[in-house]
Amino acid sequence: MKILGIDPGLNITGYGVLEIVSGQPKLIEAGIVRGKSRGSLNLRIKEIHDGVADVIEALHPEVMALEKLYSHYDRPTTAILMGHARGVICLAAANAMRASKSPTTPPRKSKKR
């Protein structure tokens, strides 16, 4: 079974593909999808979608683990913007494979200001 793991980001989206061979994970590929557009949100999320779709098409994973978003409560706009990236990643996966959710690592306690 091949598993695609994704760490979503608007500028850089990280990914890794593992294959389970004889019960052991084997790294197939790891890399990034980097948005080239700096201004337009529409172009940035299209680049994320297209890049993730290319990875899925090339490596044929069966399952996707997509990290949940975490944003500090002082920065709700960040969570909203990251939701766009996560949404197009889910769309790319839905077009090609079934998707599963994976929890993020628990956030570290931030210092109060």
N, C-alpha and C. Protein backbone atom coordinates (compact mmCIF):
# COMPACT_ATOMS: atom_id res chain seq x y z
N MET A 1 0.84 -1.18 0.00
CA MET A 1 0.00 0.00 0.00
C MET A 1 0.88 1.23 0.00
N LYS A 2 0.56 2.20 -0.85
CA LYS A 2 1.28 3.49 -0.88
C LYS A 2 0.44 4.54 -0.15
N ILE A 3 1.12 5.30 0.68
CA ILE A 3 0.47 6.33 1.49
C ILE A 3 1.12 7.67 1.17
N LEU A 4 0.29 8.65 0.85
CA LEU A 4 0.74 10.01 0.61
C LEU A 4 0.46 10.84 1.85
N GLY A 5 1.49 11.41 2.44
CA GLY A 5 1.33 12.31 3.58
C GLY A 5 1.61 13.72 3.12
N ILE A 6 0.74 14.66 3.55
CA ILE A 6 0.87 16.05 3.10
C ILE A 6 0.82 16.99 4.29
N ASP A 7 1.75 17.95 4.29
CA ASP A 7 1.78 19.06 5.24
C ASP A 7 1.45 20.31 4.43
N PRO A 8 0.19 20.78 4.50
CA PRO A 8 -0.24 21.87 3.62
C PRO A 8 0.37 23.22 4.00
N GLY A 9 0.59 24.03 2.97
CA GLY A 9 1.06 25.39 3.16
C GLY A 9 0.74 26.20 1.93
N LEU A 10 0.55 27.50 2.09
CA LEU A 10 0.25 28.35 0.94
C LEU A 10 1.47 28.63 0.07
N ASN A 11 2.63 28.70 0.68
CA ASN A 11 3.85 28.94 -0.09
C ASN A 11 4.57 27.64 -0.40
N ILE A 12 4.67 26.78 0.59
CA ILE A 12 5.34 25.50 0.41
C ILE A 12 4.47 24.41 1.04
N THR A 13 4.13 23.41 0.25
CA THR A 13 3.39 22.24 0.71
C THR A 13 4.34 21.05 0.65
N GLY A 14 4.56 20.43 1.80
CA GLY A 14 5.45 19.28 1.85
C GLY A 14 4.68 17.98 1.64
N TYR A 15 5.36 16.99 1.06
CA TYR A 15 4.71 15.69 0.89
C TYR A 15 5.75 14.58 1.00
N GLY A 16 5.25 13.41 1.33
CA GLY A 16 6.07 12.21 1.34
C GLY A 16 5.20 11.04 0.95
N VAL A 17 5.77 10.10 0.23
CA VAL A 17 5.04 8.90 -0.15
C VAL A 17 5.80 7.71 0.42
N LEU A 18 5.07 6.92 1.20
CA LEU A 18 5.61 5.70 1.78
C LEU A 18 4.92 4.51 1.16
N GLU A 19 5.64 3.42 1.03
CA GLU A 19 5.03 2.17 0.62
C GLU A 19 5.28 1.15 1.72
N ILE A 20 4.24 0.43 2.09
CA ILE A 20 4.38 -0.61 3.10
C ILE A 20 4.78 -1.89 2.38
N VAL A 21 5.99 -2.37 2.69
CA VAL A 21 6.53 -3.58 2.07
C VAL A 21 6.86 -4.56 3.18
N SER A 22 6.22 -5.71 3.16
CA SER A 22 6.41 -6.74 4.20
C SER A 22 6.22 -6.16 5.59
N GLY A 23 5.22 -5.29 5.73
CA GLY A 23 4.91 -4.70 7.03
C GLY A 23 5.83 -3.56 7.44
N GLN A 24 6.78 -3.19 6.60
CA GLN A 24 7.72 -2.12 6.93
C GLN A 24 7.54 -0.94 5.98
N PRO A 25 7.60 0.30 6.50
CA PRO A 25 7.48 1.46 5.62
C PRO A 25 8.77 1.68 4.83
N LYS A 26 8.59 2.03 3.56
CA LYS A 26 9.73 2.34 2.69
C LYS A 26 9.44 3.68 2.02
N LEU A 27 10.37 4.62 2.14
CA LEU A 27 10.20 5.93 1.54
C LEU A 27 10.35 5.82 0.02
N ILE A 28 9.32 6.25 -0.69
CA ILE A 28 9.34 6.26 -2.15
C ILE A 28 9.82 7.62 -2.66
N GLU A 29 9.25 8.68 -2.11
CA GLU A 29 9.63 10.03 -2.52
C GLU A 29 9.19 11.02 -1.46
N ALA A 30 9.94 12.07 -1.32
CA ALA A 30 9.57 13.20 -0.45
C ALA A 30 9.94 14.47 -1.19
N GLY A 31 9.15 15.49 -1.03
CA GLY A 31 9.45 16.73 -1.72
C GLY A 31 8.51 17.84 -1.32
N ILE A 32 8.51 18.88 -2.12
CA ILE A 32 7.65 20.03 -1.86
C ILE A 32 6.95 20.45 -3.15
N VAL A 33 5.80 21.06 -2.95
CA VAL A 33 5.09 21.75 -4.02
C VAL A 33 5.22 23.22 -3.65
N ARG A 34 5.90 23.97 -4.47
CA ARG A 34 6.17 25.38 -4.17
C ARG A 34 5.36 26.25 -5.11
N GLY A 35 4.59 27.16 -4.51
CA GLY A 35 3.84 28.12 -5.31
C GLY A 35 4.77 29.19 -5.86
N LYS A 36 4.61 29.51 -7.11
CA LYS A 36 5.45 30.54 -7.73
C LYS A 36 4.80 31.91 -7.65
N SER A 37 3.49 31.94 -7.56
CA SER A 37 2.77 33.21 -7.53
C SER A 37 2.79 33.77 -6.11
N ARG A 38 3.13 35.00 -5.99
CA ARG A 38 3.17 35.63 -4.66
C ARG A 38 1.95 36.51 -4.40
N GLY A 39 1.32 37.00 -5.43
CA GLY A 39 0.24 37.95 -5.20
C GLY A 39 -1.14 37.33 -5.15
N SER A 40 -1.53 36.63 -6.17
CA SER A 40 -2.90 36.17 -6.32
C SER A 40 -3.14 34.87 -5.56
N LEU A 41 -4.09 34.91 -4.64
CA LEU A 41 -4.47 33.70 -3.90
C LEU A 41 -5.02 32.65 -4.86
N ASN A 42 -5.79 33.08 -5.85
CA ASN A 42 -6.36 32.15 -6.82
C ASN A 42 -5.26 31.36 -7.54
N LEU A 43 -4.22 32.05 -7.98
CA LEU A 43 -3.12 31.36 -8.68
C LEU A 43 -2.35 30.46 -7.73
N ARG A 44 -2.15 30.90 -6.50
CA ARG A 44 -1.41 30.10 -5.53
C ARG A 44 -2.12 28.79 -5.24
N ILE A 45 -3.42 28.83 -5.01
CA ILE A 45 -4.12 27.58 -4.69
C ILE A 45 -4.24 26.68 -5.93
N LYS A 46 -4.28 27.28 -7.11
CA LYS A 46 -4.28 26.46 -8.33
C LYS A 46 -2.94 25.73 -8.48
N GLU A 47 -1.84 26.41 -8.17
CA GLU A 47 -0.52 25.78 -8.23
C GLU A 47 -0.41 24.64 -7.22
N ILE A 48 -0.97 24.83 -6.04
CA ILE A 48 -0.97 23.76 -5.03
C ILE A 48 -1.76 22.57 -5.56
N HIS A 49 -2.96 22.83 -6.06
CA HIS A 49 -3.80 21.76 -6.59
C HIS A 49 -3.08 21.00 -7.70
N ASP A 50 -2.55 21.73 -8.66
CA ASP A 50 -1.90 21.10 -9.81
C ASP A 50 -0.67 20.30 -9.38
N GLY A 51 0.11 20.84 -8.44
CA GLY A 51 1.30 20.14 -7.97
C GLY A 51 0.97 18.85 -7.24
N VAL A 52 -0.02 18.91 -6.36
CA VAL A 52 -0.43 17.71 -5.63
C VAL A 52 -1.05 16.69 -6.60
N ALA A 53 -1.85 17.17 -7.54
CA ALA A 53 -2.43 16.27 -8.55
C ALA A 53 -1.33 15.58 -9.35
N ASP A 54 -0.26 16.29 -9.68
CA ASP A 54 0.87 15.69 -10.40
C ASP A 54 1.55 14.59 -9.58
N VAL A 55 1.72 14.85 -8.28
CA VAL A 55 2.33 13.84 -7.39
C VAL A 55 1.45 12.59 -7.35
N ILE A 56 0.15 12.79 -7.19
CA ILE A 56 -0.78 11.66 -7.13
C ILE A 56 -0.75 10.87 -8.44
N GLU A 57 -0.75 11.58 -9.55
CA GLU A 57 -0.74 10.93 -10.87
C GLU A 57 0.55 10.13 -11.09
N ALA A 58 1.67 10.69 -10.65
CA ALA A 58 2.96 10.05 -10.89
C ALA A 58 3.20 8.85 -9.97
N LEU A 59 2.76 8.94 -8.71
CA LEU A 59 3.14 7.93 -7.72
C LEU A 59 2.02 6.97 -7.34
N HIS A 60 0.79 7.27 -7.71
CA HIS A 60 -0.36 6.40 -7.49
C HIS A 60 -0.55 5.93 -6.05
N PRO A 61 -0.59 6.86 -5.08
CA PRO A 61 -0.86 6.43 -3.70
C PRO A 61 -2.31 5.96 -3.58
N GLU A 62 -2.53 5.08 -2.61
CA GLU A 62 -3.88 4.57 -2.38
C GLU A 62 -4.62 5.35 -1.30
N VAL A 63 -3.87 5.94 -0.39
CA VAL A 63 -4.46 6.65 0.75
C VAL A 63 -3.67 7.94 0.96
N MET A 64 -4.37 8.97 1.44
CA MET A 64 -3.71 10.23 1.77
C MET A 64 -3.94 10.56 3.23
N ALA A 65 -2.88 10.97 3.91
CA ALA A 65 -2.96 11.49 5.27
C ALA A 65 -2.65 12.98 5.18
N LEU A 66 -3.62 13.80 5.53
CA LEU A 66 -3.48 15.26 5.41
C LEU A 66 -3.48 15.87 6.80
N GLU A 67 -2.39 16.58 7.10
CA GLU A 67 -2.26 17.19 8.42
C GLU A 67 -3.36 18.21 8.66
N LYS A 68 -3.92 18.16 9.87
CA LYS A 68 -4.92 19.16 10.24
C LYS A 68 -4.24 20.51 10.43
N LEU A 69 -5.04 21.54 10.33
CA LEU A 69 -4.51 22.89 10.48
C LEU A 69 -4.48 23.30 11.94
N TYR A 70 -3.47 24.06 12.27
CA TYR A 70 -3.40 24.69 13.58
C TYR A 70 -3.03 26.14 13.36
N SER A 71 -3.79 27.00 13.97
CA SER A 71 -3.48 28.42 13.90
C SER A 71 -3.75 29.04 15.26
N HIS A 72 -2.91 29.92 15.65
CA HIS A 72 -3.08 30.60 16.92
C HIS A 72 -4.37 31.43 16.89
N TYR A 73 -5.06 31.47 17.99
CA TYR A 73 -6.34 32.19 18.05
C TYR A 73 -6.19 33.68 17.76
N ASP A 74 -4.98 34.23 17.88
CA ASP A 74 -4.76 35.63 17.55
C ASP A 74 -4.67 35.87 16.04
N ARG A 75 -4.60 34.79 15.28
CA ARG A 75 -4.43 34.90 13.82
C ARG A 75 -5.47 34.06 13.06
N PRO A 76 -6.74 34.41 13.18
CA PRO A 76 -7.78 33.61 12.50
C PRO A 76 -7.67 33.68 10.98
N THR A 77 -7.15 34.76 10.44
CA THR A 77 -7.02 34.88 8.99
C THR A 77 -6.09 33.80 8.43
N THR A 78 -5.05 33.46 9.18
CA THR A 78 -4.14 32.41 8.75
C THR A 78 -4.88 31.10 8.57
N ALA A 79 -5.73 30.76 9.53
CA ALA A 79 -6.49 29.51 9.44
C ALA A 79 -7.42 29.51 8.23
N ILE A 80 -8.03 30.64 7.96
CA ILE A 80 -8.93 30.74 6.81
C ILE A 80 -8.16 30.55 5.51
N LEU A 81 -7.02 31.23 5.39
CA LEU A 81 -6.21 31.10 4.17
C LEU A 81 -5.68 29.68 4.00
N MET A 82 -5.23 29.07 5.09
CA MET A 82 -4.74 27.70 5.01
C MET A 82 -5.85 26.73 4.65
N GLY A 83 -7.08 27.06 5.02
CA GLY A 83 -8.22 26.23 4.64
C GLY A 83 -8.37 26.14 3.13
N HIS A 84 -8.03 27.22 2.43
CA HIS A 84 -8.06 27.20 0.96
C HIS A 84 -7.07 26.16 0.43
N ALA A 85 -5.86 26.16 0.97
CA ALA A 85 -4.83 25.21 0.53
C ALA A 85 -5.28 23.78 0.83
N ARG A 86 -5.78 23.57 2.03
CA ARG A 86 -6.23 22.23 2.42
C ARG A 86 -7.38 21.77 1.53
N GLY A 87 -8.26 22.69 1.17
CA GLY A 87 -9.40 22.35 0.33
C GLY A 87 -9.00 21.88 -1.06
N VAL A 88 -8.05 22.57 -1.68
CA VAL A 88 -7.65 22.15 -3.04
C VAL A 88 -6.83 20.86 -3.00
N ILE A 89 -6.16 20.60 -1.89
CA ILE A 89 -5.46 19.32 -1.73
C ILE A 89 -6.48 18.19 -1.64
N CYS A 90 -7.54 18.42 -0.86
CA CYS A 90 -8.62 17.43 -0.76
C CYS A 90 -9.29 17.22 -2.12
N LEU A 91 -9.46 18.28 -2.87
CA LEU A 91 -10.06 18.16 -4.21
C LEU A 91 -9.18 17.32 -5.12
N ALA A 92 -7.88 17.57 -5.11
CA ALA A 92 -6.96 16.78 -5.95
C ALA A 92 -7.04 15.31 -5.57
N ALA A 93 -7.09 15.03 -4.26
CA ALA A 93 -7.17 13.64 -3.81
C ALA A 93 -8.52 13.02 -4.17
N ALA A 94 -9.58 13.77 -3.99
CA ALA A 94 -10.91 13.24 -4.29
C ALA A 94 -11.05 12.90 -5.77
N ASN A 95 -10.36 13.64 -6.61
CA ASN A 95 -10.39 13.37 -8.03
C ASN A 95 -9.62 12.10 -8.39
N ALA A 96 -8.71 11.66 -7.51
CA ALA A 96 -7.83 10.55 -7.87
C ALA A 96 -7.86 9.36 -6.91
N MET A 97 -8.27 9.56 -5.69
CA MET A 97 -8.15 8.50 -4.69
C MET A 97 -9.03 8.79 -3.49
N ARG A 98 -9.09 7.87 -2.55
CA ARG A 98 -9.84 8.16 -1.32
C ARG A 98 -8.91 8.87 -0.34
N ALA A 99 -9.47 9.73 0.47
CA ALA A 99 -8.67 10.52 1.41
C ALA A 99 -9.02 10.13 2.84
N SER A 100 -8.03 10.17 3.70
CA SER A 100 -8.27 9.95 5.12
C SER A 100 -7.65 11.10 5.89
N LYS A 101 -8.16 11.36 7.09
CA LYS A 101 -7.65 12.46 7.90
C LYS A 101 -6.60 11.94 8.87
N SER A 102 -5.62 12.76 9.13
CA SER A 102 -4.59 12.42 10.10
C SER A 102 -4.40 13.61 11.03
N PRO A 103 -4.39 13.38 12.33
CA PRO A 103 -4.22 14.53 13.24
C PRO A 103 -2.81 15.08 13.16
N THR A 104 -2.70 16.35 13.41
CA THR A 104 -1.40 16.99 13.48
C THR A 104 -0.78 16.68 14.83
N THR A 105 0.49 16.88 14.95
CA THR A 105 1.10 16.76 16.26
C THR A 105 0.56 17.87 17.13
N PRO A 106 0.38 17.61 18.41
CA PRO A 106 -0.20 18.65 19.27
C PRO A 106 0.67 19.90 19.25
N PRO A 107 0.05 21.08 19.20
CA PRO A 107 0.83 22.31 19.19
C PRO A 107 1.53 22.53 20.52
N ARG A 108 2.66 23.16 20.44
CA ARG A 108 3.37 23.52 21.66
C ARG A 108 2.65 24.68 22.32
N LYS A 109 2.78 24.76 23.61
CA LYS A 109 2.17 25.90 24.31
C LYS A 109 2.90 27.17 23.90
N SER A 110 2.11 28.15 23.49
CA SER A 110 2.73 29.42 23.15
C SER A 110 2.81 30.29 24.40
N LYS A 111 3.78 31.16 24.40
CA LYS A 111 3.93 32.06 25.53
C LYS A 111 2.89 33.16 25.42
N LYS A 112 2.28 33.49 26.56
CA LYS A 112 1.32 34.60 26.56
C LYS A 112 2.06 35.90 26.46
N ARG A 113 1.46 36.81 25.70
CA ARG A 113 2.08 38.12 25.54
C ARG A 113 1.37 39.14 26.34
